[in-house]
Protein backbone atom coordinates (compact mmCIF):
# COMPACT_ATOMS: atom_id res chain seq x y z
CA MET A 1 124.49 -2.84 71.29
CA LEU A 2 126.87 -5.65 72.22
CA GLU A 3 128.17 -3.60 75.12
CA ARG A 4 124.63 -2.87 76.36
CA ALA A 5 123.74 -6.57 76.05
CA LYS A 6 126.85 -7.47 78.04
CA LYS A 7 126.00 -4.99 80.82
CA PHE A 8 122.40 -6.23 80.93
CA MET A 9 123.43 -9.89 81.24
CA LEU A 10 126.04 -9.13 83.89
CA ARG A 11 123.62 -6.96 85.88
CA TYR A 12 120.69 -9.42 85.83
CA GLU A 13 122.69 -12.65 85.65
CA ARG A 14 121.36 -14.02 88.97
CA TYR A 15 117.75 -13.45 87.85
CA VAL A 16 118.14 -14.88 84.36
CA SER A 17 119.12 -18.30 85.72
CA PRO A 18 115.94 -19.06 87.74
CA VAL A 19 113.76 -17.49 85.05
CA THR A 20 115.42 -19.79 82.51
CA LEU A 21 114.56 -22.78 84.72
CA VAL A 22 110.89 -21.80 85.03
CA LEU A 23 110.50 -21.01 81.34
CA GLY A 24 112.25 -24.21 80.31
CA PHE A 25 110.10 -26.34 82.59
CA ALA A 26 106.93 -24.62 81.35
CA PHE A 27 108.03 -25.06 77.74
CA ASP A 28 108.63 -28.79 78.24
CA SER A 29 105.29 -29.19 80.04
CA ILE A 30 103.45 -27.68 77.07
CA MET A 31 105.42 -29.22 74.21
CA LEU A 32 106.19 -32.74 75.47
CA LYS A 33 102.82 -34.49 75.30
CA ARG A 34 103.78 -38.10 74.66
CA ILE A 35 106.99 -39.99 75.12
CA ASP A 36 106.75 -41.73 71.73
CA LEU A 37 106.10 -38.68 69.53
CA PHE A 38 108.74 -37.72 66.95
CA PHE A 39 108.65 -34.06 68.02
CA SER A 40 109.27 -34.90 71.68
CA ASN A 41 112.34 -37.00 70.97
CA ALA A 42 113.64 -34.61 68.29
CA LEU A 43 113.45 -31.77 70.82
CA LEU A 44 115.35 -33.75 73.45
CA ILE A 45 118.01 -34.82 70.94
CA SER A 46 118.41 -31.16 69.95
CA TYR A 47 118.94 -30.33 73.65
CA LEU A 48 121.75 -32.90 73.76
CA PHE A 49 123.33 -31.50 70.61
CA ILE A 50 123.18 -27.88 71.82
CA ALA A 51 124.59 -28.84 75.23
CA SER A 52 127.50 -30.75 73.66
CA VAL A 53 128.37 -27.87 71.31
CA CYS A 54 128.24 -25.36 74.18
CA ILE A 55 130.51 -27.54 76.33
CA ILE A 56 133.08 -27.68 73.52
CA PHE A 57 133.01 -23.92 72.88
CA LEU A 58 133.13 -23.10 76.60
CA ASN A 59 136.21 -25.24 77.11
CA VAL A 60 137.90 -23.80 74.04
CA ARG A 61 137.29 -20.33 75.50
CA GLU A 62 138.57 -21.40 78.93
CA THR A 63 141.73 -22.72 77.28
CA ARG A 64 142.36 -19.35 75.58
CA ARG A 65 141.03 -17.21 78.41
CA THR A 66 144.43 -15.82 79.39
CA LYS A 67 145.25 -14.68 75.83
CA PRO A 68 144.82 -10.92 75.27
CA GLU A 69 142.91 -11.27 72.00
CA ILE A 70 139.99 -13.06 73.74
CA GLU A 71 139.56 -10.58 76.60
CA HIS A 72 136.72 -8.60 75.05
CA SER A 73 134.08 -11.27 74.62
CA GLU A 74 132.75 -12.05 78.11
CA THR A 75 129.22 -11.71 76.74
CA MET A 76 129.69 -14.73 74.49
CA HIS A 77 130.91 -16.78 77.45
CA ILE A 78 127.78 -15.95 79.47
CA ALA A 79 125.52 -16.63 76.47
CA LEU A 80 127.09 -20.07 75.92
CA LEU A 81 126.74 -20.84 79.62
CA PHE A 82 123.04 -20.05 79.65
CA MET A 83 122.42 -21.94 76.40
CA MET A 84 124.04 -24.99 77.96
CA GLN A 85 122.03 -24.50 81.16
CA PHE A 86 118.79 -24.22 79.24
CA SER A 87 119.52 -27.38 77.23
CA ILE A 88 120.64 -29.49 80.19
CA GLY A 89 117.79 -28.09 82.28
CA GLY A 90 115.35 -28.95 79.48
CA LEU A 91 116.61 -32.54 79.43
CA PHE A 92 116.26 -32.93 83.19
CA SER A 93 112.86 -31.24 83.37
CA ALA A 94 111.64 -33.48 80.52
CA SER A 95 112.98 -36.53 82.35
CA PHE A 96 111.24 -35.42 85.55
CA LEU A 97 107.95 -34.89 83.69
CA PHE A 98 108.06 -38.28 81.97
CA TYR A 99 109.37 -40.24 84.95
CA SER A 100 106.84 -38.67 87.35
CA LYS A 101 104.02 -39.89 85.09
CA SER A 102 105.41 -43.42 85.16
CA GLY A 103 105.20 -45.45 88.35
CA THR A 104 104.40 -44.02 91.77
CA ILE A 105 106.05 -41.54 94.11
CA ILE A 106 105.93 -44.21 96.85
CA ALA A 107 108.19 -46.61 94.97
CA SER A 108 110.29 -44.26 92.85
CA TRP A 109 110.90 -41.18 95.00
CA PRO A 110 114.72 -41.63 95.27
CA PHE A 111 115.20 -41.46 91.51
CA LEU A 112 112.68 -38.65 91.06
CA LEU A 113 114.45 -36.75 93.84
CA LEU A 114 117.75 -37.28 92.03
CA ILE A 115 116.33 -35.88 88.78
CA PHE A 116 114.70 -32.96 90.61
CA ALA A 117 117.99 -32.21 92.37
CA TYR A 118 119.71 -32.07 88.98
CA VAL A 119 117.01 -29.69 87.69
CA ILE A 120 117.58 -27.30 90.62
CA GLY A 121 121.32 -27.87 90.76
CA ASN A 122 121.59 -27.05 87.08
CA GLU A 123 120.73 -23.46 87.99
CA LEU A 124 122.25 -23.12 91.47
CA LEU A 125 125.65 -24.61 90.57
CA ARG A 126 126.21 -22.51 87.47
CA LYS A 127 129.77 -21.59 88.43
CA ASN A 128 130.73 -25.27 88.50
CA TYR A 129 130.12 -25.39 84.76
CA VAL A 130 133.62 -23.98 84.26
CA ARG A 131 134.88 -27.35 85.49
CA LEU A 132 135.08 -29.86 82.71
CA GLY A 133 134.49 -32.89 84.94
CA PHE A 134 131.25 -31.40 86.25
CA GLN A 135 130.06 -30.49 82.76
CA VAL A 136 130.66 -33.96 81.32
CA THR A 137 129.13 -35.73 84.35
CA VAL A 138 125.94 -33.69 84.08
CA PHE A 139 125.86 -34.34 80.33
CA PHE A 140 126.27 -38.10 80.92
CA THR A 141 123.47 -38.15 83.52
CA ALA A 142 121.10 -36.31 81.18
CA LEU A 143 122.02 -38.64 78.30
CA PHE A 144 121.54 -41.80 80.42
CA SER A 145 118.15 -40.58 81.71
CA PHE A 146 117.08 -39.89 78.13
CA LEU A 147 118.22 -43.23 76.68
CA ILE A 148 116.44 -45.19 79.44
CA PHE A 149 113.10 -44.23 77.88
CA PHE A 150 114.22 -43.50 74.29
CA LEU A 151 115.56 -46.99 73.52
CA PRO A 152 112.36 -48.83 74.60
CA VAL A 153 110.40 -46.47 72.34
CA ILE A 154 112.48 -47.10 69.22
CA LEU A 155 113.20 -50.81 69.91
CA GLY A 156 109.66 -51.70 71.00
CA ALA A 157 110.87 -53.64 74.02
CA MET A 158 111.85 -53.06 77.63
CA GLY A 159 113.58 -54.97 80.40
CA ASP A 160 117.01 -55.54 81.95
CA ALA A 161 118.78 -56.00 78.61
CA ILE A 162 117.40 -52.71 77.22
CA PHE A 163 118.33 -50.86 80.40
CA MET A 164 121.87 -52.23 80.30
CA LEU A 165 122.08 -51.26 76.62
CA SER A 166 121.05 -47.72 77.63
CA GLY A 167 123.88 -47.56 80.14
CA ILE A 168 126.49 -48.94 77.75
CA ALA A 169 125.35 -46.60 74.96
CA SER A 170 125.56 -43.64 77.36
CA LEU A 171 129.12 -44.55 78.35
CA VAL A 172 130.19 -45.04 74.71
CA LEU A 173 128.58 -41.82 73.46
CA THR A 174 130.01 -39.81 76.35
CA GLY A 175 133.43 -41.33 75.67
CA LEU A 176 133.22 -40.36 72.00
CA PHE A 177 132.10 -36.87 72.99
CA TYR A 178 135.06 -36.53 75.36
CA TYR A 179 137.40 -37.73 72.60
CA VAL A 180 136.07 -35.05 70.22
CA LEU A 181 136.36 -32.48 73.01
CA SER A 182 140.03 -33.41 73.46
CA TRP A 183 140.71 -32.28 69.87
CA PHE A 184 139.63 -28.73 70.70
CA ALA A 185 140.84 -28.43 74.31
CA PRO A 186 143.53 -31.10 74.82
CA GLU A 187 145.02 -29.65 78.02
CA ARG A 188 141.71 -29.29 79.80
CA ALA A 189 140.59 -32.73 78.60
CA THR A 190 143.76 -34.33 79.98
CA LYS A 191 143.50 -32.53 83.33
CA GLY A 192 139.77 -33.18 83.71
CA ALA A 193 139.81 -36.85 82.66
CA PRO A 194 140.41 -38.47 86.13
CA LEU A 195 137.59 -36.53 87.81
CA ALA A 196 135.25 -37.00 84.83
CA ILE A 197 135.82 -40.78 84.73
CA LEU A 198 135.35 -41.18 88.49
CA SER A 199 132.20 -39.04 88.53
CA ILE A 200 130.64 -40.74 85.50
CA LEU A 201 131.28 -44.23 86.86
CA SER A 202 129.81 -43.18 90.23
CA VAL A 203 126.63 -41.86 88.58
CA PHE A 204 126.48 -45.02 86.44
CA ALA A 205 126.70 -47.20 89.56
CA VAL A 206 124.04 -45.20 91.43
CA ILE A 207 121.52 -45.33 88.56
CA ASN A 208 122.11 -49.08 88.14
CA ALA A 209 121.64 -49.61 91.88
CA LEU A 210 118.36 -47.67 91.76
CA TYR A 211 117.16 -49.65 88.75
CA PHE A 212 117.91 -53.09 90.15
CA SER A 213 116.33 -52.03 93.46
CA ASN A 214 113.17 -51.16 91.46
CA LEU A 215 113.48 -47.49 92.45
CA ILE A 216 113.45 -46.17 88.87
CA PRO A 217 109.94 -45.70 87.42
CA PRO A 218 109.03 -48.27 84.72
CA ILE A 219 109.23 -45.70 81.95
CA PRO A 220 107.83 -45.62 79.23
CA LEU A 221 104.80 -47.31 80.87
CA SER A 222 102.28 -45.26 82.86
CA LEU A 223 99.02 -46.11 84.57
CA ARG A 224 96.11 -44.09 83.18
CA ASP A 225 93.19 -45.74 84.99
CA VAL A 226 92.50 -48.52 87.49
CA GLY A 227 89.49 -49.79 89.41
CA VAL A 228 88.08 -52.85 91.20
CA TYR A 229 84.56 -53.89 90.24
CA ARG A 230 81.97 -56.61 90.75
CA SER A 231 82.04 -57.57 87.08
CA VAL A 232 83.98 -56.77 83.90
CA SER A 233 83.02 -57.99 80.44
CA LYS A 234 84.59 -57.32 77.07
CA ILE A 235 82.06 -55.89 74.60
CA SER A 236 84.39 -55.07 71.69
CA GLU A 237 88.08 -54.74 70.88
CA GLY A 238 89.49 -52.48 73.57
CA ALA A 239 86.11 -51.71 75.19
CA TYR A 240 84.85 -53.15 78.47
CA GLU A 241 81.65 -52.86 80.45
CA VAL A 242 82.14 -52.63 84.21
CA MET A 243 79.61 -52.91 86.99
CA GLY A 244 80.34 -51.77 90.50
CA GLU A 245 80.46 -48.81 92.84
CA LYS A 246 81.58 -45.31 91.91
CA GLN A 247 85.34 -44.94 92.31
CA GLY A 248 87.30 -41.70 92.16
CA LYS A 249 91.00 -41.15 91.60
CA SER A 250 92.01 -42.55 94.98
CA TRP A 251 94.82 -44.51 93.31
CA ILE A 252 96.59 -41.19 92.66
CA LEU A 253 96.31 -39.97 96.24
CA SER A 254 96.87 -43.44 97.75
CA ARG A 255 93.60 -43.32 99.73
CA LYS A 256 91.61 -46.47 100.19
CA THR A 257 88.40 -47.02 98.26
CA VAL A 258 85.65 -49.15 99.80
CA VAL A 259 84.56 -52.07 97.65
CA HIS A 260 81.63 -54.26 98.78
CA MET A 261 81.62 -57.97 97.98
CA THR A 262 78.98 -60.67 97.84
CA PRO A 263 80.15 -63.90 99.53
CA GLY A 264 81.24 -66.47 96.95
CA GLU A 265 81.49 -63.91 94.14
CA PRO A 266 84.83 -62.77 92.62
CA LEU A 267 86.09 -59.22 92.15
CA TYR A 268 87.59 -57.80 88.95
CA ALA A 269 90.45 -55.34 88.44
CA LEU A 270 90.50 -53.30 85.22
CA THR A 271 93.57 -51.23 84.33
CA SER A 272 94.58 -48.93 81.46
CA VAL A 273 98.34 -48.79 80.99
CA PHE A 274 99.87 -46.45 78.42
CA ALA A 275 102.78 -47.76 76.35
CA PRO A 276 104.47 -46.35 73.21
CA THR A 277 103.01 -47.38 69.86
CA SER A 278 105.67 -49.96 68.99
CA LEU A 279 105.91 -51.55 72.43
CA THR A 280 104.37 -54.92 73.34
CA THR A 281 105.13 -56.19 76.82
CA GLU A 282 103.67 -57.88 79.89
CA ILE A 283 102.48 -56.51 83.20
CA ARG A 284 101.37 -58.12 86.44
CA HIS A 285 98.27 -57.62 88.57
CA VAL A 286 99.41 -58.47 92.08
CA TRP A 287 96.52 -58.76 94.54
CA ARG A 288 97.72 -58.31 98.11
CA HIS A 289 95.92 -58.28 101.46
CA PHE A 290 97.24 -57.00 104.77
CA ASP A 291 97.70 -59.59 107.50
CA GLY A 292 97.25 -57.73 110.77
CA ASP A 293 98.61 -60.57 112.90
CA ARG A 294 101.85 -60.79 110.92
CA GLY A 295 101.93 -57.07 110.15
CA GLU A 296 102.77 -57.56 106.46
CA TRP A 297 101.26 -57.66 102.99
CA ILE A 298 100.52 -61.14 101.67
CA VAL A 299 100.37 -61.94 97.94
CA ALA A 300 96.96 -63.47 97.22
CA SER A 301 97.27 -63.64 93.41
CA ASP A 302 99.95 -62.72 90.87
CA ILE A 303 98.47 -62.58 87.37
CA LEU A 304 100.50 -62.00 84.18
CA LEU A 305 98.83 -59.97 81.41
CA SER A 306 99.93 -58.80 77.96
CA ILE A 307 99.58 -55.20 76.75
CA LYS A 308 100.20 -53.39 73.47
CA GLY A 309 101.09 -49.74 73.05
CA GLY A 310 99.67 -46.92 70.98
CA ARG A 311 96.36 -46.02 72.61
CA GLU A 312 96.35 -42.56 74.21
CA GLY A 313 94.15 -43.69 77.09
CA GLY A 314 96.19 -46.81 77.68
CA PHE A 315 95.74 -50.50 76.86
CA ARG A 316 92.86 -51.98 78.87
CA THR A 317 93.09 -55.40 80.45
CA TYR A 318 91.67 -57.05 83.55
CA SER A 319 92.19 -59.81 86.08
CA VAL A 320 89.76 -61.82 88.22
CA LYS A 321 90.28 -62.57 91.91
CA LYS A 322 88.28 -65.35 93.51
CA ASN A 323 88.10 -66.22 97.20
CA VAL A 324 88.19 -62.62 98.36
CA PHE A 325 87.30 -61.71 101.93
CA PRO A 326 86.78 -58.53 103.99
CA GLY A 327 89.88 -56.62 104.95
CA THR A 328 92.54 -54.22 103.71
CA TRP A 329 93.69 -54.93 100.15
CA ARG A 330 95.69 -53.34 97.39
CA LEU A 331 96.24 -54.00 93.70
CA ASP A 332 99.83 -53.44 92.59
CA VAL A 333 100.31 -53.03 88.84
CA GLU A 334 103.89 -54.03 88.15
CA THR A 335 106.29 -54.87 85.37
CA VAL A 336 107.47 -58.46 85.02
CA ARG A 337 110.61 -57.64 87.03
CA GLY A 338 108.62 -55.96 89.80
CA GLN A 339 108.79 -52.22 89.05
CA LEU A 340 105.67 -50.54 90.37
CA ILE A 341 103.58 -48.89 87.64
CA GLY A 342 100.71 -47.98 89.95
CA ARG A 343 98.90 -48.97 93.11
CA PHE A 344 95.21 -49.09 94.02
CA PRO A 345 94.53 -49.46 97.77
CA PHE A 346 91.02 -50.52 98.75
CA GLU A 347 89.03 -52.02 101.59
CA ILE A 348 86.69 -54.95 101.06
CA ARG A 349 83.48 -55.05 103.09
CA LEU A 350 80.54 -57.40 102.99
CA SER A 351 77.67 -56.20 100.84
CA THR A 352 74.51 -55.05 102.59
CA GLY A 353 72.53 -55.08 99.36
CA GLU A 354 71.98 -51.33 99.64
CA GLU A 355 75.01 -50.14 97.65
CA LYS A 356 74.36 -47.94 94.63
CA LEU A 357 75.80 -49.78 91.64
CA PHE A 358 76.46 -48.40 88.16
CA THR A 359 77.31 -49.80 84.77
CA GLU A 360 79.84 -48.00 82.57
CA THR A 361 81.72 -48.63 79.35
CA LYS A 362 85.48 -48.09 79.51
């Protein structure tokens, strides 16, 4: 049976890899519902544990590969390789799923592209997994991506200090892992150390550059709903009554919605931002209008608002903008440090009095 399993894996090896990617991504899509659930984080931690164990066993086997007594067990080598691929791929696909829900493609596409490249590269560059430096660098990247959203969930806070703590923790944990690995495969650990250190520090620098350029999504926050209305009033804790024109999901597709205004009357922006249960933070409603003469977006109002986590549909809050005028506008929902959570582009036109208005409770 072992021999048949070995022949099967060797024969269909090139097909197993992409199938593993698809199945892993589908599994994560189904199982990982919320970023702050115990099951979600337990699953991702188990991925990290399995990947680390596989890396250790693979390098032990590579160290002894030339010894005659190990020659027979190529099947175990392939099995360990695919287990590591599945675990690392699961971490990256989970990161892509969570990060793509947080922020916008417009602002965060470089980081999302980096994560997606790791997801694909995890399968296409399978042969590079025999190189210790490559293995440890991929492990570090997956760990860093995980801690960026895991620490805000368990600490109930986010910001520069938490992000820097994520990076430092990733470096320390990867260093400890490499130290343990050196017990089992000292020669390979010594040879691979220069490349591993250089690669890890390079990835660390790139992720930090993306973060401080506001190109990493503001995970664990995500925009669940947004709209601009003629009036918003709070009717109970967490419930608001809005009055205005029907608005679709144009904020997802980045198409402009038309909003009519009555001269002298303000407009209201209502947003629902999801945050983990333990997290309390602040967001900004930045009202901007496009100045055609200058060819740039001008900040009309920058309003700071507090939100609390826990509600599946997101924490609702609103801002009021007076002195509005016809033209091209957008509402940017941002973190305090300027990371874009979501964007709602719209066009303001003068009311004709013939618009169909509705009242709805949100």
